[in-house]
Amino acid sequence: MLSQISNQQIAQFLRKHPLTEEIKDLELAYLVDVLEKISYSPEEVIFYEGDRSNELYFIYNGIVDVLKQ
């Protein structure tokens, strides 16, 4: 499924997000180019509360449960 999503579709998706809706076209193109598309299985943990990270996640399709431990 992820391989079928074009960079243009991702750019359109990001244009609708408050964090990325106002960035310049060139910056958006760069962001789309460097994004890593990842697919997770149902029930797979993406990260745990308290984990350190320098990543940002955008959910393109599906549902994610956010739980506090």
Protein backbone atom coordinates (compact mmCIF):
# COMPACT_ATOMS: atom_id res chain seq x y z
CA MET A 1 0.00 0.00 0.00
CA LEU A 2 2.68 2.52 0.94
CA SER A 3 4.54 2.01 -2.31
CA GLN A 4 1.37 3.07 -4.13
CA ILE A 5 1.27 6.47 -2.42
CA SER A 6 2.90 9.11 -4.61
CA ASN A 7 4.97 12.03 -3.42
CA GLN A 8 2.27 14.31 -4.82
CA GLN A 9 -0.34 12.62 -2.61
CA ILE A 10 1.90 13.04 0.42
CA ALA A 11 2.45 16.72 -0.41
CA GLN A 12 -1.30 17.27 -0.72
CA PHE A 13 -1.80 15.50 2.61
CA LEU A 14 0.86 17.64 4.33
CA ARG A 15 -0.62 20.85 2.90
CA LYS A 16 -3.73 20.13 5.00
CA HIS A 17 -1.79 19.64 8.26
CA PRO A 18 -1.39 22.66 10.58
CA LEU A 19 2.34 22.01 11.08
CA THR A 20 3.14 22.00 7.38
CA GLU A 21 0.35 23.90 5.64
CA GLU A 22 2.30 27.17 5.36
CA ILE A 23 5.78 26.01 4.44
CA LYS A 24 7.18 27.01 1.06
CA ASP A 25 6.79 24.71 -1.93
CA LEU A 26 10.51 24.00 -2.15
CA GLU A 27 10.67 23.13 1.55
CA LEU A 28 7.62 20.89 1.21
CA ALA A 29 9.17 19.11 -1.77
CA TYR A 30 12.33 18.50 0.28
CA LEU A 31 10.32 17.22 3.24
CA VAL A 32 8.36 14.82 1.04
CA ASP A 33 11.61 13.61 -0.52
CA VAL A 34 13.25 12.77 2.82
CA LEU A 35 10.20 11.32 4.56
CA GLU A 36 10.41 7.64 5.39
CA LYS A 37 7.22 5.72 4.66
CA ILE A 38 6.64 3.09 7.34
CA SER A 39 3.81 0.63 7.74
CA TYR A 40 2.95 -0.94 11.08
CA SER A 41 1.03 -4.11 11.79
CA PRO A 42 -2.11 -4.04 13.93
CA GLU A 43 -1.19 -4.14 17.62
CA GLU A 44 2.44 -3.21 16.86
CA VAL A 45 3.90 -0.66 19.29
CA ILE A 46 5.39 2.36 17.55
CA PHE A 47 6.99 3.79 20.68
CA TYR A 48 6.49 3.85 24.43
CA GLU A 49 5.77 6.78 26.71
CA GLY A 50 9.07 8.29 27.83
CA ASP A 51 11.05 7.07 24.81
CA ARG A 52 13.46 9.68 23.51
CA SER A 53 13.10 10.47 19.86
CA ASN A 54 13.90 13.06 17.23
CA GLU A 55 11.20 11.79 14.90
CA LEU A 56 7.84 13.17 13.86
CA TYR A 57 4.99 10.92 12.75
CA PHE A 58 2.18 11.73 10.36
CA ILE A 59 -0.60 9.16 10.12
CA TYR A 60 -1.57 8.97 6.45
CA ASN A 61 -4.00 6.09 6.75
CA GLY A 62 -5.39 4.07 9.62
CA ILE A 63 -5.89 4.51 13.33
CA VAL A 64 -3.37 4.79 16.15
CA ASP A 65 -4.19 4.35 19.81
CA VAL A 66 -2.29 6.63 22.18
CA LEU A 67 -2.18 5.16 25.66
CA LYS A 68 -0.77 6.58 28.88
CA GLN A 69 1.02 4.12 31.10
